[in-house]
Amino acid sequence: MTRHPSPSAEAGLTVDGTGLLCVTLLLELRAAVDGARPGTVVHVIATDPAAPLDLPAWCHMTGHHYLGPVPGDRPVYALRLTADARPTRSGAPWDRADG
């Protein structure tokens, strides 16, 4: 059985998407994780109401592991980067690069 860190696991990388719509947030997230090490836990601060839907969908599409919301006072979501993630287009991270 594979164990995943809890959403509150310490972040190796934080992406602050405060005030950003998810379209822009995904652009920022894609750029931030480019070149990051597999296994890195990423905390994403996201105030867009669509984030709880868009972030898990993006993780599903790319192959990263969505860990869920991080307990606390701010809207923070956690994901863990994988070694075999599927690439997305640089200007359109909601589209797979091979699709």
C-alpha atoms as a PDB file:
ATOM      1  CA  MET A   1       0.000   0.000   0.000  1.00  0.00           C
ATOM      2  CA  THR A   2       1.341   3.442  -0.968  1.00  0.00           C
ATOM      3  CA  ARG A   3       1.263   6.001   1.803  1.00  0.00           C
ATOM      4  CA  HIS A   4       0.650   9.610   0.886  1.00  0.00           C
ATOM      5  CA  PRO A   5       1.551  12.498   3.156  1.00  0.00           C
ATOM      6  CA  SER A   6      -1.368  14.184   4.817  1.00  0.00           C
ATOM      7  CA  PRO A   7      -2.495  17.511   3.347  1.00  0.00           C
ATOM      8  CA  SER A   8      -0.882  19.246   6.305  1.00  0.00           C
ATOM      9  CA  ALA A   9       2.537  17.720   5.492  1.00  0.00           C
ATOM     10  CA  GLU A  10       5.243  20.349   5.365  1.00  0.00           C
ATOM     11  CA  ALA A  11       5.388  22.023   1.979  1.00  0.00           C
ATOM     12  CA  GLY A  12       8.561  21.905  -0.054  1.00  0.00           C
ATOM     13  CA  LEU A  13       7.044  24.530  -2.332  1.00  0.00           C
ATOM     14  CA  THR A  14       4.222  27.041  -1.881  1.00  0.00           C
ATOM     15  CA  VAL A  15       2.337  28.697  -4.732  1.00  0.00           C
ATOM     16  CA  ASP A  16       0.418  31.814  -3.659  1.00  0.00           C
ATOM     17  CA  GLY A  17      -2.598  32.190  -5.910  1.00  0.00           C
ATOM     18  CA  THR A  18      -4.405  34.668  -3.667  1.00  0.00           C
ATOM     19  CA  GLY A  19      -6.781  36.700  -5.810  1.00  0.00           C
ATOM     20  CA  LEU A  20      -6.085  34.718  -8.988  1.00  0.00           C
ATOM     21  CA  LEU A  21      -8.687  32.981 -11.105  1.00  0.00           C
ATOM     22  CA  CYS A  22      -7.932  29.302 -11.583  1.00  0.00           C
ATOM     23  CA  VAL A  23      -6.819  29.867 -15.189  1.00  0.00           C
ATOM     24  CA  THR A  24      -3.995  32.115 -14.000  1.00  0.00           C
ATOM     25  CA  LEU A  25      -3.385  29.969 -10.929  1.00  0.00           C
ATOM     26  CA  LEU A  26      -2.769  26.897 -13.102  1.00  0.00           C
ATOM     27  CA  LEU A  27      -0.301  28.906 -15.214  1.00  0.00           C
ATOM     28  CA  GLU A  28       1.551  29.893 -12.020  1.00  0.00           C
ATOM     29  CA  LEU A  29       1.374  26.351 -10.623  1.00  0.00           C
ATOM     30  CA  ARG A  30       2.687  24.759 -13.816  1.00  0.00           C
ATOM     31  CA  ALA A  31       5.619  27.178 -13.914  1.00  0.00           C
ATOM     32  CA  ALA A  32       6.369  26.686 -10.203  1.00  0.00           C
ATOM     33  CA  VAL A  33       6.486  22.887 -10.354  1.00  0.00           C
ATOM     34  CA  ASP A  34       8.489  22.733 -13.589  1.00  0.00           C
ATOM     35  CA  GLY A  35      11.778  21.152 -12.575  1.00  0.00           C
ATOM     36  CA  ALA A  36      10.732  20.478  -8.962  1.00  0.00           C
ATOM     37  CA  ARG A  37      11.696  17.111  -7.527  1.00  0.00           C
ATOM     38  CA  PRO A  38       9.212  14.224  -7.526  1.00  0.00           C
ATOM     39  CA  GLY A  39       7.778  13.703  -4.065  1.00  0.00           C
ATOM     40  CA  THR A  40       7.738  17.425  -3.320  1.00  0.00           C
ATOM     41  CA  VAL A  41       4.635  18.462  -1.413  1.00  0.00           C
ATOM     42  CA  VAL A  42       3.205  21.653  -2.895  1.00  0.00           C
ATOM     43  CA  HIS A  43       0.825  23.904  -0.982  1.00  0.00           C
ATOM     44  CA  VAL A  44      -1.362  26.042  -3.216  1.00  0.00           C
ATOM     45  CA  ILE A  45      -3.052  29.091  -1.702  1.00  0.00           C
ATOM     46  CA  ALA A  46      -6.169  29.549  -3.809  1.00  0.00           C
ATOM     47  CA  THR A  47      -9.052  31.938  -3.209  1.00  0.00           C
ATOM     48  CA  ASP A  48     -10.934  31.185  -6.435  1.00  0.00           C
ATOM     49  CA  PRO A  49     -14.109  29.249  -5.512  1.00  0.00           C
ATOM     50  CA  ALA A  50     -13.391  26.851  -8.410  1.00  0.00           C
ATOM     51  CA  ALA A  51     -10.058  25.741  -6.908  1.00  0.00           C
ATOM     52  CA  PRO A  52     -11.495  22.784  -4.942  1.00  0.00           C
ATOM     53  CA  LEU A  53     -12.664  21.369  -8.289  1.00  0.00           C
ATOM     54  CA  ASP A  54      -9.923  22.559 -10.638  1.00  0.00           C
ATOM     55  CA  LEU A  55      -6.902  21.495  -8.584  1.00  0.00           C
ATOM     56  CA  PRO A  56      -7.956  17.830  -8.185  1.00  0.00           C
ATOM     57  CA  ALA A  57      -8.905  17.750 -11.894  1.00  0.00           C
ATOM     58  CA  TRP A  58      -5.498  19.146 -12.867  1.00  0.00           C
ATOM     59  CA  CYS A  59      -3.763  16.578 -10.656  1.00  0.00           C
ATOM     60  CA  HIS A  60      -5.824  13.779 -12.188  1.00  0.00           C
ATOM     61  CA  MET A  61      -4.944  14.955 -15.699  1.00  0.00           C
ATOM     62  CA  THR A  62      -1.230  15.333 -14.983  1.00  0.00           C
ATOM     63  CA  GLY A  63      -0.778  12.354 -12.666  1.00  0.00           C
ATOM     64  CA  HIS A  64       0.257  14.353  -9.591  1.00  0.00           C
ATOM     65  CA  HIS A  65      -1.365  13.284  -6.306  1.00  0.00           C
ATOM     66  CA  TYR A  66      -4.005  15.635  -4.923  1.00  0.00           C
ATOM     67  CA  LEU A  67      -3.806  15.481  -1.120  1.00  0.00           C
ATOM     68  CA  GLY A  68      -6.705  17.803  -0.295  1.00  0.00           C
ATOM     69  CA  PRO A  69      -7.313  20.948   1.715  1.00  0.00           C
ATOM     70  CA  VAL A  70      -4.808  21.906   4.390  1.00  0.00           C
ATOM     71  CA  PRO A  71      -6.418  22.713   7.760  1.00  0.00           C
ATOM     72  CA  GLY A  72      -6.015  26.337   8.757  1.00  0.00           C
ATOM     73  CA  ASP A  73      -7.330  29.847   8.346  1.00  0.00           C
ATOM     74  CA  ARG A  74      -6.503  30.222   4.650  1.00  0.00           C
ATOM     75  CA  PRO A  75      -7.759  28.275   1.627  1.00  0.00           C
ATOM     76  CA  VAL A  76      -4.708  26.073   1.004  1.00  0.00           C
ATOM     77  CA  TYR A  77      -4.643  22.814  -0.955  1.00  0.00           C
ATOM     78  CA  ALA A  78      -1.859  20.249  -1.076  1.00  0.00           C
ATOM     79  CA  LEU A  79      -0.535  18.029  -3.831  1.00  0.00           C
ATOM     80  CA  ARG A  80       2.488  15.780  -4.205  1.00  0.00           C
ATOM     81  CA  LEU A  81       4.533  15.792  -7.394  1.00  0.00           C
ATOM     82  CA  THR A  82       5.156  12.505  -9.174  1.00  0.00           C
ATOM     83  CA  ALA A  83       8.083  11.396 -11.290  1.00  0.00           C
ATOM     84  CA  ASP A  84       5.905  10.211 -14.155  1.00  0.00           C
ATOM     85  CA  ALA A  85       3.638  13.249 -14.481  1.00  0.00           C
ATOM     86  CA  ARG A  86       2.081  13.859 -17.871  1.00  0.00           C
ATOM     87  CA  PRO A  87       3.194  17.217 -19.319  1.00  0.00           C
ATOM     88  CA  THR A  88       0.811  20.046 -20.127  1.00  0.00           C
ATOM     89  CA  ARG A  89       1.166  22.844 -22.667  1.00  0.00           C
ATOM     90  CA  SER A  90       3.152  25.778 -21.301  1.00  0.00           C
ATOM     91  CA  GLY A  91       0.547  28.398 -22.215  1.00  0.00           C
ATOM     92  CA  ALA A  92      -2.426  26.164 -21.483  1.00  0.00           C
ATOM     93  CA  PRO A  93      -1.740  23.947 -18.446  1.00  0.00           C
ATOM     94  CA  TRP A  94      -5.312  22.641 -18.576  1.00  0.00           C
ATOM     95  CA  ASP A  95      -4.391  20.859 -21.860  1.00  0.00           C
ATOM     96  CA  ARG A  96      -2.082  17.853 -22.009  1.00  0.00           C
ATOM     97  CA  ALA A  97       0.961  18.377 -24.204  1.00  0.00           C
ATOM     98  CA  ASP A  98       0.354  15.054 -25.956  1.00  0.00           C
ATOM     99  CA  GLY A  99      -3.347  15.613 -26.559  1.00  0.00           C
END
